[in-house]
Amino acid sequence: MSISPPVLFFVLGMVAALVRSGLRVPKAVTKLMSLYLLWAIGFTGGVKIAQSGLDQEAVLAIAIGIALAAATPLVVFAATRHRLGIHDAAATAAAFGSVSAVTFMTASSVLDEQGVPYGGHMVAVMALMESPAIVISVILLRRAERDADAPTAEGSRSGRRGWGTLLHEAFLNGPVLLLLGSLVIGLVTRERGFEAFKPLCKDLFNGVLVFFLLDLGLLAARRLRSFLSRGWFLVGFGLIAPPILGGIALGLARAAGLDLGDAVLLAVLAASASYIAVPAAARIAIPRADPSVYIGLALAVTFPFNVVVGIPLYMSAARLLWGR
């Protein structure tokens, strides 16, 4: 199976950082590209939902996605709390229970290149999987603090005053709101709206994705250097957890009778870890967590693994299970 060009540009970014080439992408450009990608995938997904409707398969995919987003933090928190401490474990659980929109975009691009169809409702699955893990991880942390009978003054204050802010960050933070809003607009405007923006949301998409992944490759390699100094437990966890979670998602998708493309995207979402939405919420809800742990794990280990190895792995496993 050929490697997707966006994946190769991600590898190029990592190589450029590791050899200290001095290559840089301005932060303002990176922010604009991320906003564009979220808009394009949300808008296109809304149009696809309008075309196909929310049938039984779409409802099943959404239900499986939300269930995975709710259950994953429970497992990750239990597996890491004794090695990382309850605060870092809670933030890590939130990151792995939530999703990476960029990994989803990369997988969508690979499916498009290979001519594998998938439903527009998978954008809704991605958006709905963003937030539950954040809330559940904070609940797990509060329970662990209570059981230890040693909540800090800082932790207690954030628990009392932070729930409204937490829910706002979890369900109405910028990336999620843009994604959901674009999806609704695509759902309302349908094919007429898509034709008006087709050059932007289709023809331009892969080009922008290439430059965005190039920049993420640069960032991931720079994070990797400092992250490795924290020991190999986190590296091992970041490499082992994705295929396990992705495999569980594929098994559920097969049992539910989902199509091949939807199953691959569901596996990608389950295997990914958030490094955008979760850090924004964790700064407020889990202030004692070390960002270098959960951001470094998601961005420097799990994201490169999924982009380079995971997506082809989940695709091959799905073809084997679906007999194609």
Protein backbone atom coordinates (compact mmCIF):
# COMPACT_ATOMS: atom_id res chain seq x y z
CA MET A 1 0.00 0.00 0.00
CA SER A 2 1.43 3.38 -0.99
CA ILE A 3 2.08 5.99 1.68
CA SER A 4 -0.08 9.10 1.57
CA PRO A 5 1.75 12.36 0.65
CA PRO A 6 0.50 14.19 3.79
CA VAL A 7 2.06 11.42 5.93
CA LEU A 8 5.36 11.78 4.08
CA PHE A 9 5.36 15.54 4.69
CA PHE A 10 4.77 14.89 8.40
CA VAL A 11 7.86 12.65 8.37
CA LEU A 12 9.75 15.38 6.50
CA GLY A 13 8.86 17.84 9.25
CA MET A 14 10.19 15.47 11.93
CA VAL A 15 13.41 14.93 9.97
CA ALA A 16 13.84 18.69 9.46
CA ALA A 17 13.56 19.29 13.21
CA LEU A 18 15.83 16.39 14.18
CA VAL A 19 18.63 17.58 11.84
CA ARG A 20 18.09 21.19 13.05
CA SER A 21 17.43 22.57 9.60
CA GLY A 22 15.92 25.79 10.90
CA LEU A 23 12.67 25.22 8.99
CA ARG A 24 9.77 27.08 10.64
CA VAL A 25 6.09 27.73 9.93
CA PRO A 26 4.77 31.03 11.39
CA LYS A 27 2.30 30.51 14.25
CA ALA A 28 -0.31 32.75 12.63
CA VAL A 29 -0.22 30.59 9.50
CA THR A 30 -0.55 27.41 11.58
CA LYS A 31 -3.57 28.80 13.41
CA LEU A 32 -5.23 29.84 10.15
CA MET A 33 -4.62 26.40 8.65
CA SER A 34 -6.11 24.63 11.68
CA LEU A 35 -9.23 26.82 11.53
CA TYR A 36 -9.56 26.16 7.80
CA LEU A 37 -9.24 22.38 8.21
CA LEU A 38 -11.88 22.27 10.95
CA TRP A 39 -14.23 24.39 8.85
CA ALA A 40 -13.71 22.32 5.70
CA ILE A 41 -14.22 18.95 7.32
CA GLY A 42 -17.22 20.12 9.36
CA PHE A 43 -18.92 21.79 6.41
CA THR A 44 -18.30 18.85 4.06
CA GLY A 45 -19.52 16.42 6.71
CA GLY A 46 -22.73 18.39 7.17
CA VAL A 47 -23.38 18.28 3.43
CA LYS A 48 -22.78 14.52 3.38
CA ILE A 49 -25.19 13.99 6.28
CA ALA A 50 -27.81 16.03 4.42
CA GLN A 51 -27.32 13.83 1.36
CA SER A 52 -27.43 10.47 3.14
CA GLY A 53 -29.42 11.26 6.29
CA LEU A 54 -28.93 9.83 9.77
CA ASP A 55 -29.78 6.20 9.15
CA GLN A 56 -29.39 3.27 11.52
CA GLU A 57 -25.70 2.90 10.72
CA ALA A 58 -25.05 6.54 11.54
CA VAL A 59 -26.84 6.23 14.88
CA LEU A 60 -24.86 3.08 15.71
CA ALA A 61 -21.56 4.77 14.82
CA ILE A 62 -22.41 7.75 17.02
CA ALA A 63 -23.43 5.49 19.91
CA ILE A 64 -20.22 3.44 19.66
CA GLY A 65 -18.10 6.59 19.48
CA ILE A 66 -19.66 8.15 22.57
CA ALA A 67 -19.38 4.85 24.47
CA LEU A 68 -15.68 4.61 23.64
CA ALA A 69 -15.09 8.23 24.63
CA ALA A 70 -16.77 7.57 27.99
CA ALA A 71 -15.11 4.22 28.74
CA THR A 72 -11.52 4.96 27.64
CA PRO A 73 -10.75 7.42 30.48
CA LEU A 74 -11.75 4.79 33.04
CA VAL A 75 -9.22 2.33 31.65
CA VAL A 76 -6.42 4.83 31.06
CA PHE A 77 -6.78 6.41 34.50
CA ALA A 78 -6.64 3.00 36.20
CA ALA A 79 -3.59 1.97 34.13
CA THR A 80 -1.52 5.12 34.76
CA ARG A 81 -2.51 6.57 38.15
CA HIS A 82 0.12 4.65 40.15
CA ARG A 83 2.94 5.55 37.75
CA LEU A 84 1.99 9.14 37.00
CA GLY A 85 -0.01 10.28 40.02
CA ILE A 86 -3.70 11.10 39.96
CA HIS A 87 -3.42 14.55 38.35
CA ASP A 88 -1.21 13.56 35.40
CA ALA A 89 -3.20 10.32 35.04
CA ALA A 90 -6.48 12.25 34.86
CA ALA A 91 -5.13 14.59 32.17
CA THR A 92 -3.72 11.63 30.24
CA ALA A 93 -7.07 9.82 30.51
CA ALA A 94 -8.83 12.90 29.13
CA ALA A 95 -6.38 13.12 26.22
CA PHE A 96 -6.83 9.47 25.21
CA GLY A 97 -10.58 9.51 25.72
CA SER A 98 -10.89 12.56 23.49
CA VAL A 99 -9.80 12.60 19.83
CA SER A 100 -7.35 14.16 17.40
CA ALA A 101 -9.12 15.97 14.58
CA VAL A 102 -5.89 16.10 12.54
CA THR A 103 -5.47 12.31 12.73
CA PHE A 104 -9.08 12.00 11.56
CA MET A 105 -8.40 14.39 8.67
CA THR A 106 -5.31 12.43 7.66
CA ALA A 107 -7.23 9.14 7.72
CA SER A 108 -10.05 10.69 5.69
CA SER A 109 -7.50 11.81 3.10
CA VAL A 110 -6.06 8.28 2.91
CA LEU A 111 -9.53 6.78 2.45
CA ASP A 112 -10.30 9.29 -0.30
CA GLU A 113 -7.06 8.42 -2.11
CA GLN A 114 -7.88 4.71 -1.95
CA GLY A 115 -11.49 5.22 -3.02
CA VAL A 116 -12.94 3.84 0.22
CA PRO A 117 -16.31 5.52 0.95
CA TYR A 118 -17.31 6.67 4.42
CA GLY A 119 -20.32 8.48 5.85
CA GLY A 120 -20.52 12.19 6.49
CA HIS A 121 -21.92 11.34 9.92
CA MET A 122 -18.38 10.36 11.01
CA VAL A 123 -17.68 14.09 11.41
CA ALA A 124 -20.49 14.19 13.96
CA VAL A 125 -18.98 11.15 15.69
CA MET A 126 -15.65 12.96 15.93
CA ALA A 127 -17.23 16.12 17.33
CA LEU A 128 -19.29 14.22 19.91
CA MET A 129 -16.23 12.24 21.07
CA GLU A 130 -14.29 15.42 21.88
CA SER A 131 -15.88 16.28 25.21
CA PRO A 132 -17.20 13.36 27.35
CA ALA A 133 -13.71 12.19 28.33
CA ILE A 134 -12.81 15.59 29.77
CA VAL A 135 -15.76 15.60 32.14
CA ILE A 136 -15.34 11.94 33.13
CA SER A 137 -11.61 12.37 33.79
CA VAL A 138 -12.28 15.28 36.14
CA ILE A 139 -14.90 13.23 37.98
CA LEU A 140 -12.33 10.44 38.38
CA LEU A 141 -9.79 12.94 39.72
CA ARG A 142 -12.24 14.42 42.23
CA ARG A 143 -13.13 10.93 43.47
CA ALA A 144 -9.45 10.01 43.80
CA GLU A 145 -8.78 13.20 45.76
CA ARG A 146 -11.71 12.48 48.04
CA ASP A 147 -10.65 8.87 48.57
CA ALA A 148 -7.14 10.01 49.41
CA ASP A 149 -8.69 12.54 51.81
CA ALA A 150 -6.10 15.05 50.70
CA PRO A 151 -7.48 17.49 48.14
CA THR A 152 -5.29 20.52 47.95
CA ALA A 153 -6.72 23.98 48.46
CA GLU A 154 -6.09 24.62 44.79
CA GLY A 155 -7.86 21.41 43.80
CA SER A 156 -10.80 22.15 46.09
CA ARG A 157 -11.27 25.64 44.73
CA SER A 158 -11.14 24.44 41.16
CA GLY A 159 -13.67 21.71 42.00
CA ARG A 160 -16.15 24.21 43.49
CA ARG A 161 -15.86 27.01 40.98
CA GLY A 162 -14.69 25.12 37.93
CA TRP A 163 -17.63 22.96 36.81
CA GLY A 164 -19.39 25.66 34.82
CA THR A 165 -16.13 26.70 33.19
CA LEU A 166 -15.17 23.07 32.64
CA LEU A 167 -18.44 22.27 30.86
CA HIS A 168 -18.03 25.39 28.75
CA GLU A 169 -14.48 24.39 27.78
CA ALA A 170 -15.52 20.80 27.12
CA PHE A 171 -18.55 21.45 24.94
CA LEU A 172 -18.13 25.02 23.65
CA ASN A 173 -14.39 25.49 23.18
CA GLY A 174 -13.30 27.10 19.92
CA PRO A 175 -12.35 24.02 17.85
CA VAL A 176 -15.46 22.05 18.86
CA LEU A 177 -17.77 25.01 18.27
CA LEU A 178 -16.29 25.71 14.84
CA LEU A 179 -16.56 22.04 13.88
CA LEU A 180 -20.16 21.67 15.05
CA GLY A 181 -21.18 25.05 13.65
CA SER A 182 -19.71 24.25 10.24
CA LEU A 183 -21.43 20.87 10.28
CA VAL A 184 -24.81 22.50 10.99
CA ILE A 185 -24.28 25.08 8.22
CA GLY A 186 -23.39 22.33 5.76
CA LEU A 187 -26.47 20.40 6.88
CA VAL A 188 -28.69 23.44 6.24
CA THR A 189 -27.18 24.68 2.97
CA ARG A 190 -26.75 21.18 1.45
CA GLU A 191 -25.47 20.79 -2.13
CA ARG A 192 -26.11 24.44 -3.02
CA GLY A 193 -23.71 25.59 -0.31
CA PHE A 194 -21.16 22.93 -1.19
CA GLU A 195 -21.04 23.96 -4.84
CA ALA A 196 -20.37 27.55 -3.80
CA PHE A 197 -17.37 26.54 -1.67
CA LYS A 198 -16.22 23.41 -3.50
CA PRO A 199 -12.83 24.85 -4.57
CA LEU A 200 -12.12 25.76 -0.95
CA CYS A 201 -13.44 22.75 0.96
CA LYS A 202 -12.35 20.07 -1.52
CA ASP A 203 -9.71 21.16 -4.04
CA LEU A 204 -7.62 23.10 -1.48
CA PHE A 205 -7.97 20.64 1.40
CA ASN A 206 -5.06 18.26 0.74
CA GLY A 207 -2.65 21.09 0.02
CA VAL A 208 -3.37 22.80 3.33
CA LEU A 209 -3.27 19.46 5.16
CA VAL A 210 0.23 18.82 3.77
CA PHE A 211 1.62 22.09 5.17
CA PHE A 212 -0.22 21.60 8.48
CA LEU A 213 1.27 18.13 8.94
CA LEU A 214 4.70 19.45 7.98
CA ASP A 215 4.44 21.93 10.85
CA LEU A 216 3.17 19.23 13.25
CA GLY A 217 6.13 17.06 12.29
CA LEU A 218 8.45 19.89 13.30
CA LEU A 219 6.61 20.34 16.60
CA ALA A 220 6.41 16.62 17.40
CA ALA A 221 10.15 16.11 16.92
CA ARG A 222 10.97 19.09 19.16
CA ARG A 223 8.65 17.74 21.88
CA LEU A 224 10.10 14.26 21.57
CA ARG A 225 13.54 15.28 22.78
CA SER A 226 12.33 16.57 26.16
CA PHE A 227 9.65 13.89 26.46
CA LEU A 228 12.13 11.01 26.25
CA SER A 229 13.86 12.31 29.37
CA ARG A 230 10.83 11.38 31.46
CA GLY A 231 11.37 7.64 31.00
CA TRP A 232 10.15 4.84 28.76
CA PHE A 233 6.87 4.00 30.50
CA LEU A 234 5.08 6.87 28.77
CA VAL A 235 6.63 6.02 25.41
CA GLY A 236 5.56 2.39 25.73
CA PHE A 237 2.06 3.38 26.79
CA GLY A 238 1.74 5.83 23.90
CA LEU A 239 2.68 3.08 21.43
CA ILE A 240 0.71 0.19 22.94
CA ALA A 241 -2.57 1.91 23.80
CA PRO A 242 -3.54 3.08 20.25
CA PRO A 243 -3.64 -0.35 18.55
CA ILE A 244 -5.50 -1.83 21.53
CA LEU A 245 -8.12 0.94 21.50
CA GLY A 246 -8.32 0.87 17.71
CA GLY A 247 -8.77 -2.90 17.74
CA ILE A 248 -11.62 -2.64 20.24
CA ALA A 249 -13.30 -0.04 18.03
CA LEU A 250 -12.93 -2.28 14.96
CA GLY A 251 -14.46 -5.20 16.84
CA LEU A 252 -17.45 -3.11 17.92
CA ALA A 253 -17.86 -1.72 14.40
CA ARG A 254 -17.80 -5.24 12.93
CA ALA A 255 -20.37 -6.46 15.44
CA ALA A 256 -22.59 -3.46 14.63
CA GLY A 257 -22.33 -4.08 10.88
CA LEU A 258 -20.73 -0.74 9.99
CA ASP A 259 -19.18 -0.18 6.57
CA LEU A 260 -15.43 -0.52 6.10
CA GLY A 261 -14.68 3.20 5.80
CA ASP A 262 -16.71 4.12 8.88
CA ALA A 263 -15.02 1.34 10.86
CA VAL A 264 -11.53 2.58 9.93
CA LEU A 265 -12.37 6.15 10.97
CA LEU A 266 -13.92 4.90 14.22
CA ALA A 267 -10.72 2.96 14.96
CA VAL A 268 -8.62 6.05 14.18
CA LEU A 269 -10.73 8.18 16.52
CA ALA A 270 -10.56 5.61 19.33
CA ALA A 271 -6.78 5.26 18.93
CA SER A 272 -6.02 8.98 18.77
CA ALA A 273 -5.28 11.37 21.62
CA SER A 274 -6.22 15.03 21.86
CA TYR A 275 -3.55 17.73 22.05
CA ILE A 276 -5.81 20.73 21.34
CA ALA A 277 -9.16 20.55 23.15
CA VAL A 278 -7.94 18.65 26.24
CA PRO A 279 -5.03 20.99 27.09
CA ALA A 280 -7.40 23.96 26.93
CA ALA A 281 -9.76 22.31 29.43
CA ALA A 282 -7.06 20.68 31.58
CA ARG A 283 -5.43 24.03 32.33
CA ILE A 284 -8.64 25.00 34.12
CA ALA A 285 -9.92 21.69 35.46
CA ILE A 286 -6.65 19.88 36.30
CA PRO A 287 -4.19 22.71 37.04
CA ARG A 288 -1.70 20.45 38.85
CA ALA A 289 -1.19 18.17 35.83
CA ASP A 290 2.13 18.56 34.00
CA PRO A 291 1.43 19.58 30.37
CA SER A 292 4.68 18.01 29.19
CA VAL A 293 3.24 14.60 30.16
CA TYR A 294 -0.14 14.56 28.44
CA ILE A 295 0.65 16.94 25.58
CA GLY A 296 4.02 15.30 24.94
CA LEU A 297 2.45 11.85 25.02
CA ALA A 298 -0.33 12.78 22.60
CA LEU A 299 1.73 14.86 20.19
CA ALA A 300 5.23 13.34 20.28
CA VAL A 301 4.35 9.64 20.55
CA THR A 302 0.74 8.71 19.79
CA PHE A 303 0.14 11.16 16.94
CA PRO A 304 3.25 10.15 14.92
CA PHE A 305 2.51 6.47 15.56
CA ASN A 306 -1.04 6.78 14.28
CA VAL A 307 -0.14 8.85 11.22
CA VAL A 308 2.80 6.72 10.08
CA VAL A 309 1.92 3.23 11.36
CA GLY A 310 -1.56 3.22 12.88
CA ILE A 311 -3.72 4.30 9.94
CA PRO A 312 -2.26 1.67 7.57
CA LEU A 313 -2.50 -0.89 10.39
CA TYR A 314 -6.18 -0.18 11.11
CA MET A 315 -6.93 -0.18 7.39
CA SER A 316 -5.27 -3.57 6.89
CA ALA A 317 -7.01 -5.04 9.95
CA ALA A 318 -10.38 -3.73 8.77
CA ARG A 319 -9.89 -5.19 5.26
CA LEU A 320 -9.07 -8.53 6.88
CA LEU A 321 -12.14 -8.45 9.14
CA TRP A 322 -14.44 -7.28 6.35
CA GLY A 323 -12.91 -9.70 3.83
CA ARG A 324 -11.94 -7.05 1.27
